[in-house]
Amino acid sequence: MKKRDRELTEQEREIQTGTSAQSGEAQPGGREGRSQSREGQSQSREGQLLERREMRRRRRMRNQVISYVVVVALIAVLAVGIVTGVGELTKNARENTESTAPQEVLEELLGSEETLEEPSSTEMVVELTPEQKLDEIVNKAIEVMPLEDKVAGLFVVTPEAITGVNAAVQAGEGTQQALAEHRVGGLVYFSKNMQSEEQLKQMIDNTVLYSSYPLFIAVDEEGGSVSRVADAGIADGVDSAQEIAASGNTDNAYQAGVTVGTYLSGLGFNLDFAPVADIANVEGSSMKDRTYGADAAAAAPYVTSMLEGQPV
């Protein structure tokens, strides 16, 4: 019995020893697993940190880009505002200068006309003719004109062309603004612009007043079928060029010039597109009743006589 107990005791020890050995073998494996687990967790935390850092970096870059865009936009808006403001101020200053400078120069030149007539006591000065004096005044006025005004001054247009109305019968703020924007050399009027003598004179007077430069106030008043003022019932017309030539007397052309020139200048016109110096040398010409004949040599004396009679 005792012997059996000893055998059992030895078997139990062997079992315990085996268990301990197995336990000893298992322990290193358990530590290694825990170590790997901790390493995995550490790597996971590092990955999260890197991801957060990357997100923060991207947010900073996005905010910087947005800030740059906003700053550039503000600078652009400010630049446009400055350019627009400077342009408007420059335009206003130019308009004010241009509206006053030409008139002042003309007045100064006209005021100095007497000086041009008086020769200096110390040196010989050739006295200028009236035409030369006028040319000198005009040339000095042209020298101070902007290029745009010089070009516009080459044109004589209808008042409708610059105001945009269908038929101009008065000169008010629209005409004043139109002449400030389009400084043309003159305006030509037709019967549709003429309602009465008083209305026509008032319109012409206002137009001249509104212009920065002297204007040609023009009309077609040849006589006969082309008589804008007479057709409007404001004046008595004269015979056509064909009828005057048929009389065989150039004095009739002279008297026609006196009559037309007198009532035109009284209304304020300073330019008449007449007389017609063409000749009607083609059969069925539409110019037939508007000319003094088909022969230049025969027509010339009548043209000259009418011009001499016109004070315009």
Protein backbone atom coordinates (compact mmCIF):
# COMPACT_ATOMS: atom_id res chain seq x y z
CA MET A 1 0.00 0.00 0.00
CA LYS A 2 2.78 2.36 0.96
CA LYS A 3 4.63 1.32 -2.12
CA ARG A 4 1.61 2.17 -4.21
CA ASP A 5 1.30 5.52 -2.54
CA ARG A 6 4.88 6.31 -3.35
CA GLU A 7 4.31 5.42 -6.98
CA LEU A 8 1.32 7.69 -7.13
CA THR A 9 3.31 10.46 -5.55
CA GLU A 10 6.07 10.09 -8.09
CA GLN A 11 3.54 10.06 -10.94
CA GLU A 12 1.99 13.25 -9.60
CA ARG A 13 5.39 14.91 -9.45
CA GLU A 14 6.09 13.88 -13.00
CA ILE A 15 2.74 15.30 -14.03
CA GLN A 16 3.41 18.55 -12.15
CA THR A 17 6.90 18.70 -13.62
CA GLY A 18 5.48 18.22 -17.10
CA THR A 19 2.85 20.82 -16.44
CA SER A 20 5.48 23.24 -15.20
CA ALA A 21 7.60 22.59 -18.23
CA GLN A 22 4.66 23.12 -20.50
CA SER A 23 3.79 26.22 -18.57
CA GLY A 24 7.40 27.40 -18.86
CA GLU A 25 7.32 26.82 -22.61
CA ALA A 26 4.03 28.62 -22.98
CA GLN A 27 5.10 31.74 -21.07
CA PRO A 28 7.61 33.03 -23.63
CA GLY A 29 4.97 32.68 -26.36
CA GLY A 30 2.45 34.70 -24.29
CA ARG A 31 4.90 37.55 -23.71
CA GLU A 32 5.72 37.66 -27.37
CA GLY A 33 2.01 37.97 -28.24
CA ARG A 34 1.50 40.76 -25.77
CA SER A 35 4.55 42.55 -27.13
CA GLN A 36 3.24 42.30 -30.69
CA SER A 37 -0.15 43.56 -29.55
CA ARG A 38 1.43 46.61 -27.90
CA GLU A 39 3.49 47.28 -31.04
CA GLY A 40 0.34 47.11 -33.16
CA GLN A 41 -1.46 49.54 -30.89
CA SER A 42 1.54 51.89 -30.95
CA GLN A 43 1.65 51.79 -34.74
CA SER A 44 -2.10 52.44 -34.90
CA ARG A 45 -1.74 55.52 -32.65
CA GLU A 46 1.16 56.79 -34.74
CA GLY A 47 -0.91 56.36 -37.90
CA GLN A 48 -3.77 58.30 -36.35
CA LEU A 49 -1.41 61.08 -35.30
CA LEU A 50 0.07 61.26 -38.78
CA GLU A 51 -3.39 61.35 -40.30
CA ARG A 52 -4.46 64.17 -37.96
CA ARG A 53 -1.30 66.11 -38.74
CA GLU A 54 -1.95 65.70 -42.47
CA MET A 55 -5.56 66.91 -42.03
CA ARG A 56 -4.38 69.94 -40.04
CA ARG A 57 -1.78 70.69 -42.72
CA ARG A 58 -4.41 70.50 -45.46
CA ARG A 59 -6.77 72.76 -43.52
CA ARG A 60 -3.99 75.34 -43.08
CA MET A 61 -3.19 75.21 -46.78
CA ARG A 62 -6.87 75.58 -47.70
CA ASN A 63 -7.28 78.53 -45.33
CA GLN A 64 -4.16 80.17 -46.75
CA VAL A 65 -5.41 79.73 -50.31
CA ILE A 66 -8.80 81.22 -49.36
CA SER A 67 -7.07 84.12 -47.64
CA TYR A 68 -4.88 84.78 -50.67
CA VAL A 69 -7.91 84.69 -53.01
CA VAL A 70 -9.85 87.13 -50.79
CA VAL A 71 -6.88 89.51 -50.58
CA VAL A 72 -6.34 89.41 -54.36
CA ALA A 73 -10.05 90.01 -54.98
CA LEU A 74 -10.07 93.00 -52.61
CA ILE A 75 -6.97 94.42 -54.29
CA ALA A 76 -8.58 93.97 -57.72
CA VAL A 77 -11.80 95.68 -56.63
CA LEU A 78 -9.80 98.52 -55.08
CA ALA A 79 -7.70 98.90 -58.24
CA VAL A 80 -10.80 99.00 -60.46
CA GLY A 81 -12.36 101.61 -58.17
CA ILE A 82 -9.21 103.75 -58.25
CA VAL A 83 -8.90 103.50 -62.07
CA THR A 84 -12.60 104.33 -62.54
CA GLY A 85 -12.42 107.27 -60.15
CA VAL A 86 -9.27 108.67 -61.72
CA GLY A 87 -10.76 108.23 -65.20
CA GLU A 88 -13.94 110.06 -64.21
CA LEU A 89 -12.00 112.90 -62.59
CA THR A 90 -9.74 113.17 -65.64
CA LYS A 91 -12.74 113.21 -67.98
CA ASN A 92 -14.48 115.93 -65.96
CA ALA A 93 -11.31 117.99 -65.75
CA ARG A 94 -10.77 117.62 -69.48
CA GLU A 95 -14.35 118.63 -70.28
CA ASN A 96 -14.11 121.67 -68.00
CA THR A 97 -10.79 122.68 -69.49
CA GLU A 98 -11.88 122.12 -73.07
CA SER A 99 -15.16 123.97 -72.55
CA THR A 100 -13.46 127.09 -71.24
CA ALA A 101 -10.00 127.14 -72.78
CA PRO A 102 -10.96 127.57 -76.46
CA GLN A 103 -13.37 130.42 -75.69
CA GLU A 104 -10.81 132.14 -73.46
CA VAL A 105 -8.13 131.80 -76.14
CA LEU A 106 -10.46 133.21 -78.77
CA GLU A 107 -11.43 136.14 -76.56
CA GLU A 108 -7.77 136.83 -75.79
CA LEU A 109 -6.84 136.72 -79.45
CA LEU A 110 -9.76 138.90 -80.45
CA GLY A 111 -8.85 141.37 -77.69
CA SER A 112 -5.30 141.55 -78.97
CA GLU A 113 -6.40 142.35 -82.54
CA GLU A 114 -5.60 146.03 -82.06
CA THR A 115 -2.06 145.14 -81.08
CA LEU A 116 -1.62 143.39 -84.39
CA GLU A 117 -2.56 146.59 -86.21
CA GLU A 118 -0.12 148.88 -84.43
CA PRO A 119 3.50 148.63 -85.66
CA SER A 120 6.27 148.84 -83.14
CA SER A 121 8.16 152.14 -82.98
CA THR A 122 11.52 150.35 -82.88
CA GLU A 123 11.08 147.90 -85.74
CA MET A 124 9.25 147.75 -89.03
CA VAL A 125 6.16 145.53 -89.00
CA VAL A 126 4.17 144.83 -92.13
CA GLU A 127 0.54 145.65 -91.50
CA LEU A 128 -1.67 142.62 -91.89
CA THR A 129 -4.75 142.60 -94.08
CA PRO A 130 -8.10 141.77 -92.44
CA GLU A 131 -7.94 138.30 -93.97
CA GLN A 132 -4.42 137.73 -92.61
CA LYS A 133 -5.48 138.90 -89.16
CA LEU A 134 -8.40 136.49 -89.22
CA ASP A 135 -6.15 133.66 -90.38
CA GLU A 136 -3.75 134.34 -87.52
CA ILE A 137 -6.55 134.29 -84.96
CA VAL A 138 -7.98 131.08 -86.36
CA ASN A 139 -4.60 129.34 -86.55
CA LYS A 140 -3.76 130.18 -82.94
CA ALA A 141 -7.15 128.90 -81.83
CA ILE A 142 -6.65 125.65 -83.74
CA GLU A 143 -3.25 125.09 -82.11
CA VAL A 144 -4.84 124.60 -78.68
CA MET A 145 -7.65 122.33 -79.88
CA PRO A 146 -7.55 118.59 -79.01
CA LEU A 147 -7.19 116.27 -82.00
CA GLU A 148 -10.75 114.94 -81.56
CA ASP A 149 -12.14 118.47 -81.80
CA LYS A 150 -10.06 119.21 -84.89
CA VAL A 151 -11.51 116.16 -86.64
CA ALA A 152 -15.10 116.87 -85.51
CA GLY A 153 -14.70 120.45 -86.74
CA LEU A 154 -14.41 119.18 -90.31
CA PHE A 155 -18.06 118.08 -90.33
CA VAL A 156 -21.27 120.02 -90.92
CA VAL A 157 -24.22 117.82 -89.85
CA THR A 158 -27.93 118.11 -89.15
CA PRO A 159 -28.99 118.78 -85.54
CA GLU A 160 -30.78 115.42 -85.58
CA ALA A 161 -27.49 113.64 -86.26
CA ILE A 162 -26.04 114.63 -82.89
CA THR A 163 -29.18 114.91 -80.74
CA GLY A 164 -31.01 111.80 -81.94
CA VAL A 165 -34.41 113.52 -82.25
CA ASN A 166 -36.64 113.17 -85.31
CA ALA A 167 -36.96 116.89 -86.02
CA ALA A 168 -35.08 119.51 -83.99
CA VAL A 169 -37.21 122.64 -83.49
CA GLN A 170 -35.56 123.99 -80.34
CA ALA A 171 -32.14 124.02 -78.69
CA GLY A 172 -32.11 123.11 -75.02
CA GLU A 173 -30.17 120.82 -72.71
CA GLY A 174 -30.12 118.03 -75.30
CA THR A 175 -28.44 120.28 -77.84
CA GLN A 176 -26.02 121.59 -75.22
CA GLN A 177 -24.97 118.06 -74.22
CA ALA A 178 -24.74 116.95 -77.86
CA LEU A 179 -22.43 119.86 -78.76
CA ALA A 180 -20.26 119.12 -75.72
CA GLU A 181 -19.83 115.50 -76.87
CA HIS A 182 -19.65 116.17 -80.63
CA ARG A 183 -17.84 119.44 -81.31
CA VAL A 184 -18.76 119.59 -84.98
CA GLY A 185 -17.87 122.43 -87.30
CA GLY A 186 -21.45 123.36 -88.13
CA LEU A 187 -25.14 122.48 -88.35
CA VAL A 188 -27.33 122.58 -91.43
CA TYR A 189 -31.09 123.19 -91.10
CA PHE A 190 -34.01 122.20 -93.30
CA SER A 191 -37.65 123.24 -93.55
CA LYS A 192 -38.72 120.67 -90.95
CA ASN A 193 -36.67 122.58 -88.36
CA MET A 194 -38.45 125.87 -89.09
CA GLN A 195 -41.85 126.70 -87.56
CA SER A 196 -41.72 130.48 -87.31
CA GLU A 197 -39.24 133.32 -87.50
CA GLU A 198 -39.12 133.72 -83.70
CA GLN A 199 -38.72 129.99 -83.10
CA LEU A 200 -35.93 129.70 -85.70
CA LYS A 201 -33.97 132.68 -84.38
CA GLN A 202 -34.25 131.43 -80.77
CA MET A 203 -33.08 127.96 -81.74
CA ILE A 204 -30.07 129.31 -83.65
CA ASP A 205 -29.14 131.79 -80.89
CA ASN A 206 -29.19 129.05 -78.22
CA THR A 207 -27.19 126.68 -80.42
CA VAL A 208 -24.46 129.26 -80.96
CA LEU A 209 -24.40 129.98 -77.22
CA TYR A 210 -23.98 126.31 -76.30
CA SER A 211 -21.03 125.66 -78.63
CA SER A 212 -17.42 125.84 -77.38
CA TYR A 213 -16.25 126.92 -80.83
CA PRO A 214 -17.72 129.23 -83.50
CA LEU A 215 -20.23 127.27 -85.58
CA PHE A 216 -21.28 127.33 -89.20
CA ILE A 217 -25.07 127.77 -89.16
CA ALA A 218 -25.92 126.58 -92.66
CA VAL A 219 -28.90 126.20 -94.99
CA ASP A 220 -29.69 125.42 -98.64
CA GLU A 221 -31.25 128.61 -99.97
CA GLU A 222 -30.56 128.61 -103.72
CA GLY A 223 -33.85 130.08 -104.86
CA GLY A 224 -36.56 128.40 -106.88
CA SER A 225 -37.31 124.81 -105.82
CA VAL A 226 -34.48 124.67 -103.25
CA SER A 227 -35.41 127.34 -100.70
CA ARG A 228 -35.69 125.90 -97.16
CA VAL A 229 -36.55 129.16 -95.39
CA ALA A 230 -38.90 130.42 -98.08
CA ASP A 231 -40.63 127.02 -98.25
CA ALA A 232 -41.28 127.26 -94.49
CA GLY A 233 -43.13 130.55 -95.10
CA ILE A 234 -40.63 132.63 -93.13
CA ALA A 235 -39.33 134.71 -96.08
CA ASP A 236 -40.13 135.52 -99.68
CA GLY A 237 -38.09 133.40 -102.06
CA VAL A 238 -36.31 134.39 -105.25
CA ASP A 239 -36.33 132.98 -108.77
CA SER A 240 -34.42 129.85 -109.65
CA ALA A 241 -30.98 130.05 -111.27
CA GLN A 242 -32.46 128.87 -114.58
CA GLU A 243 -35.05 131.70 -114.56
CA ILE A 244 -32.43 134.31 -113.65
CA ALA A 245 -30.12 133.16 -116.44
CA ALA A 246 -33.04 133.26 -118.89
CA SER A 247 -33.43 136.98 -118.14
CA GLY A 248 -29.97 137.57 -119.61
CA ASN A 249 -29.14 140.11 -116.85
CA THR A 250 -26.52 139.32 -114.19
CA ASP A 251 -27.89 142.13 -112.03
CA ASN A 252 -30.87 139.90 -111.31
CA ALA A 253 -28.48 137.33 -109.82
CA TYR A 254 -26.90 140.09 -107.72
CA GLN A 255 -30.31 141.24 -106.41
CA ALA A 256 -31.27 137.63 -105.63
CA GLY A 257 -28.07 137.35 -103.60
CA VAL A 258 -28.87 140.54 -101.67
CA THR A 259 -32.40 139.37 -100.88
CA VAL A 260 -31.42 135.87 -99.75
CA GLY A 261 -28.35 137.01 -97.83
CA THR A 262 -30.28 139.71 -95.98
CA TYR A 263 -33.01 137.48 -94.57
CA LEU A 264 -30.61 134.62 -93.82
CA SER A 265 -28.21 136.81 -91.83
CA GLY A 266 -31.17 138.32 -89.99
CA LEU A 267 -32.22 134.84 -88.83
CA GLY A 268 -28.71 133.93 -87.67
CA PHE A 269 -27.39 131.91 -90.63
CA ASN A 270 -23.79 132.50 -91.65
CA LEU A 271 -23.42 129.93 -94.43
CA ASP A 272 -25.57 129.37 -97.52
CA PHE A 273 -24.87 126.38 -99.75
CA ALA A 274 -25.60 128.51 -102.80
CA PRO A 275 -25.36 129.51 -105.53
CA VAL A 276 -24.93 126.29 -107.49
CA ALA A 277 -21.84 126.58 -109.69
CA ASP A 278 -22.51 123.35 -111.59
CA ILE A 279 -23.67 123.27 -115.16
CA ALA A 280 -26.52 121.24 -116.61
CA ASN A 281 -24.83 119.79 -119.69
CA VAL A 282 -26.59 116.42 -119.59
CA GLU A 283 -29.99 115.86 -121.15
CA GLY A 284 -32.69 115.49 -118.50
CA SER A 285 -30.36 116.52 -115.67
CA SER A 286 -32.06 117.04 -112.31
CA MET A 287 -29.82 120.10 -111.90
CA LYS A 288 -31.34 121.90 -114.87
CA ASP A 289 -33.48 124.47 -112.99
CA ARG A 290 -30.80 124.88 -110.29
CA THR A 291 -27.98 126.04 -112.56
CA TYR A 292 -27.33 129.08 -114.73
CA GLY A 293 -26.93 127.02 -117.90
CA ALA A 294 -25.04 124.31 -119.70
CA ASP A 295 -21.97 126.40 -120.53
CA ALA A 296 -19.40 127.20 -117.82
CA ALA A 297 -18.31 130.48 -119.39
CA ALA A 298 -21.90 131.70 -119.63
CA ALA A 299 -22.86 130.56 -116.10
CA ALA A 300 -19.80 131.98 -114.30
CA PRO A 301 -20.86 135.69 -114.33
CA TYR A 302 -24.21 134.84 -112.72
CA VAL A 303 -22.52 132.79 -109.98
CA THR A 304 -20.14 135.66 -109.27
CA SER A 305 -22.92 138.24 -109.18
CA MET A 306 -25.04 136.29 -106.70
CA LEU A 307 -22.02 135.74 -104.43
CA GLU A 308 -21.23 139.45 -104.47
CA GLY A 309 -24.80 140.25 -103.47
CA GLN A 310 -24.88 137.91 -100.46
CA PRO A 311 -23.70 139.47 -97.17
CA VAL A 312 -23.71 136.04 -95.50
